[in-house]
Amino acid sequence: MKLVAMITEPSSIARFLTALGEPTDVPARSPSADAAAAVLEEHRAPSQRSEPPDGYPKDPT
């Protein structure tokens, strides 16, 4: 395979994808991705968590 051209303009990319019959919008996040993110959040070190797990006091700051 040989690179012939590189498309960098968003309007050109959208036009090209439309001509191919491909979607041009960002797909919705799947429910399984949300569940995986929740599991990862539970297993993060306490200093990396955005919210403390259940049963832990919240930081007053």
N, C-alpha and C. Protein backbone atom coordinates (compact mmCIF):
# COMPACT_ATOMS: atom_id res chain seq x y z
N MET A 1 0.85 -1.16 0.00
CA MET A 1 0.00 0.00 0.00
C MET A 1 0.91 1.23 0.00
N LYS A 2 0.47 2.24 -0.70
CA LYS A 2 1.25 3.45 -0.85
C LYS A 2 0.38 4.65 -0.46
N LEU A 3 0.94 5.55 0.35
CA LEU A 3 0.22 6.76 0.74
C LEU A 3 0.18 7.70 -0.45
N VAL A 4 -1.03 8.08 -0.84
CA VAL A 4 -1.21 8.95 -2.00
C VAL A 4 -1.50 10.39 -1.56
N ALA A 5 -2.29 10.54 -0.51
CA ALA A 5 -2.66 11.87 -0.04
C ALA A 5 -3.01 11.80 1.44
N MET A 6 -2.95 12.96 2.08
CA MET A 6 -3.35 13.05 3.48
C MET A 6 -4.42 14.12 3.61
N ILE A 7 -5.55 13.74 4.18
CA ILE A 7 -6.67 14.67 4.34
C ILE A 7 -6.59 15.25 5.75
N THR A 8 -6.55 16.58 5.86
CA THR A 8 -6.42 17.20 7.18
C THR A 8 -7.55 18.16 7.51
N GLU A 9 -8.29 18.63 6.54
CA GLU A 9 -9.37 19.57 6.78
C GLU A 9 -10.63 18.82 7.21
N PRO A 10 -11.25 19.21 8.34
CA PRO A 10 -12.46 18.52 8.81
C PRO A 10 -13.58 18.47 7.77
N SER A 11 -13.76 19.54 7.01
CA SER A 11 -14.84 19.51 6.01
C SER A 11 -14.56 18.50 4.91
N SER A 12 -13.29 18.35 4.55
CA SER A 12 -12.92 17.37 3.53
C SER A 12 -13.10 15.95 4.05
N ILE A 13 -12.76 15.75 5.31
CA ILE A 13 -12.91 14.42 5.92
C ILE A 13 -14.39 14.04 5.96
N ALA A 14 -15.24 14.99 6.38
CA ALA A 14 -16.68 14.72 6.45
C ALA A 14 -17.23 14.41 5.06
N ARG A 15 -16.83 15.16 4.07
CA ARG A 15 -17.31 14.94 2.70
C ARG A 15 -16.87 13.56 2.20
N PHE A 16 -15.63 13.17 2.48
CA PHE A 16 -15.10 11.89 2.06
C PHE A 16 -15.85 10.74 2.74
N LEU A 17 -16.06 10.85 4.07
CA LEU A 17 -16.79 9.80 4.79
C LEU A 17 -18.23 9.69 4.31
N THR A 18 -18.87 10.84 4.04
CA THR A 18 -20.24 10.83 3.54
C THR A 18 -20.32 10.12 2.19
N ALA A 19 -19.35 10.37 1.32
CA ALA A 19 -19.32 9.72 0.00
C ALA A 19 -19.17 8.21 0.13
N LEU A 20 -18.49 7.76 1.19
CA LEU A 20 -18.32 6.32 1.41
C LEU A 20 -19.49 5.69 2.15
N GLY A 21 -20.42 6.55 2.62
CA GLY A 21 -21.56 6.04 3.37
C GLY A 21 -21.23 5.77 4.83
N GLU A 22 -20.16 6.36 5.33
CA GLU A 22 -19.75 6.17 6.72
C GLU A 22 -20.30 7.30 7.58
N PRO A 23 -20.52 7.05 8.88
CA PRO A 23 -21.01 8.11 9.76
C PRO A 23 -19.94 9.17 9.99
N THR A 24 -20.37 10.40 10.18
CA THR A 24 -19.42 11.50 10.40
C THR A 24 -19.49 12.03 11.82
N ASP A 25 -20.44 11.54 12.64
CA ASP A 25 -20.54 12.01 14.02
C ASP A 25 -19.87 11.01 14.97
N VAL A 26 -19.59 11.46 16.15
CA VAL A 26 -18.93 10.62 17.16
C VAL A 26 -19.96 9.64 17.72
N PRO A 27 -19.63 8.35 17.78
CA PRO A 27 -20.59 7.39 18.32
C PRO A 27 -20.80 7.59 19.82
N ALA A 28 -21.96 7.20 20.30
CA ALA A 28 -22.27 7.30 21.73
C ALA A 28 -21.42 6.29 22.49
N ARG A 29 -21.14 6.61 23.72
CA ARG A 29 -20.36 5.72 24.56
C ARG A 29 -21.21 4.53 24.96
N SER A 30 -20.64 3.34 24.88
CA SER A 30 -21.41 2.14 25.18
C SER A 30 -21.58 1.97 26.69
N PRO A 31 -22.66 1.32 27.12
CA PRO A 31 -22.85 1.08 28.55
C PRO A 31 -21.71 0.29 29.17
N SER A 32 -21.13 -0.64 28.43
CA SER A 32 -20.04 -1.43 28.98
C SER A 32 -18.81 -0.56 29.25
N ALA A 33 -18.60 0.49 28.44
CA ALA A 33 -17.48 1.39 28.69
C ALA A 33 -17.71 2.17 29.98
N ASP A 34 -18.95 2.55 30.25
CA ASP A 34 -19.26 3.26 31.49
C ASP A 34 -19.03 2.34 32.69
N ALA A 35 -19.42 1.07 32.57
CA ALA A 35 -19.22 0.12 33.66
C ALA A 35 -17.72 -0.12 33.89
N ALA A 36 -16.96 -0.22 32.82
CA ALA A 36 -15.52 -0.42 32.95
C ALA A 36 -14.86 0.77 33.62
N ALA A 37 -15.30 1.96 33.29
CA ALA A 37 -14.75 3.17 33.92
C ALA A 37 -15.05 3.17 35.42
N ALA A 38 -16.22 2.71 35.81
CA ALA A 38 -16.59 2.65 37.23
C ALA A 38 -15.70 1.65 37.97
N VAL A 39 -15.43 0.51 37.36
CA VAL A 39 -14.57 -0.50 37.98
C VAL A 39 -13.16 0.04 38.12
N LEU A 40 -12.65 0.70 37.10
CA LEU A 40 -11.31 1.28 37.18
C LEU A 40 -11.24 2.33 38.28
N GLU A 41 -12.27 3.13 38.44
CA GLU A 41 -12.30 4.15 39.47
C GLU A 41 -12.22 3.52 40.86
N GLU A 42 -12.89 2.38 41.05
CA GLU A 42 -12.88 1.70 42.34
C GLU A 42 -11.49 1.18 42.69
N HIS A 43 -10.70 0.82 41.68
CA HIS A 43 -9.40 0.21 41.92
C HIS A 43 -8.24 1.18 41.89
N ARG A 44 -8.50 2.45 41.71
CA ARG A 44 -7.43 3.45 41.72
C ARG A 44 -6.93 3.67 43.14
N ALA A 45 -5.70 4.11 43.25
CA ALA A 45 -5.15 4.48 44.56
C ALA A 45 -5.96 5.65 45.11
N PRO A 46 -6.13 5.74 46.42
CA PRO A 46 -6.96 6.82 47.00
C PRO A 46 -6.53 8.21 46.54
N SER A 47 -5.26 8.45 46.33
CA SER A 47 -4.82 9.77 45.91
C SER A 47 -5.21 10.10 44.47
N GLN A 48 -5.59 9.08 43.68
CA GLN A 48 -5.95 9.28 42.28
C GLN A 48 -7.46 9.32 42.06
N ARG A 49 -8.24 9.01 43.07
CA ARG A 49 -9.69 8.94 42.91
C ARG A 49 -10.30 10.33 42.82
N SER A 50 -11.33 10.43 42.01
CA SER A 50 -12.06 11.69 41.93
C SER A 50 -13.06 11.80 43.08
N GLU A 51 -13.56 10.70 43.56
CA GLU A 51 -14.49 10.65 44.69
C GLU A 51 -14.03 9.52 45.61
N PRO A 52 -14.10 9.69 46.94
CA PRO A 52 -13.73 8.59 47.83
C PRO A 52 -14.76 7.46 47.74
N PRO A 53 -14.34 6.22 47.93
CA PRO A 53 -15.29 5.10 47.86
C PRO A 53 -16.27 5.16 49.04
N ASP A 54 -17.34 4.41 48.94
CA ASP A 54 -18.35 4.37 50.01
C ASP A 54 -17.70 3.98 51.33
N GLY A 55 -18.11 4.66 52.38
CA GLY A 55 -17.59 4.34 53.70
C GLY A 55 -16.38 5.20 54.07
N TYR A 56 -15.80 5.92 53.14
CA TYR A 56 -14.65 6.77 53.43
C TYR A 56 -15.13 8.21 53.57
N PRO A 57 -14.52 8.95 54.51
CA PRO A 57 -14.93 10.36 54.63
C PRO A 57 -14.44 11.17 53.45
N LYS A 58 -15.21 12.19 53.08
CA LYS A 58 -14.81 13.06 51.98
C LYS A 58 -13.79 14.06 52.49
N ASP A 59 -12.88 14.45 51.63
CA ASP A 59 -11.85 15.44 51.96
C ASP A 59 -12.50 16.80 52.14
N PRO A 60 -12.28 17.49 53.27
CA PRO A 60 -12.96 18.77 53.50
C PRO A 60 -12.48 19.91 52.61
N THR A 61 -11.40 19.76 51.90
CA THR A 61 -10.87 20.86 51.06
C THR A 61 -11.57 21.00 49.78
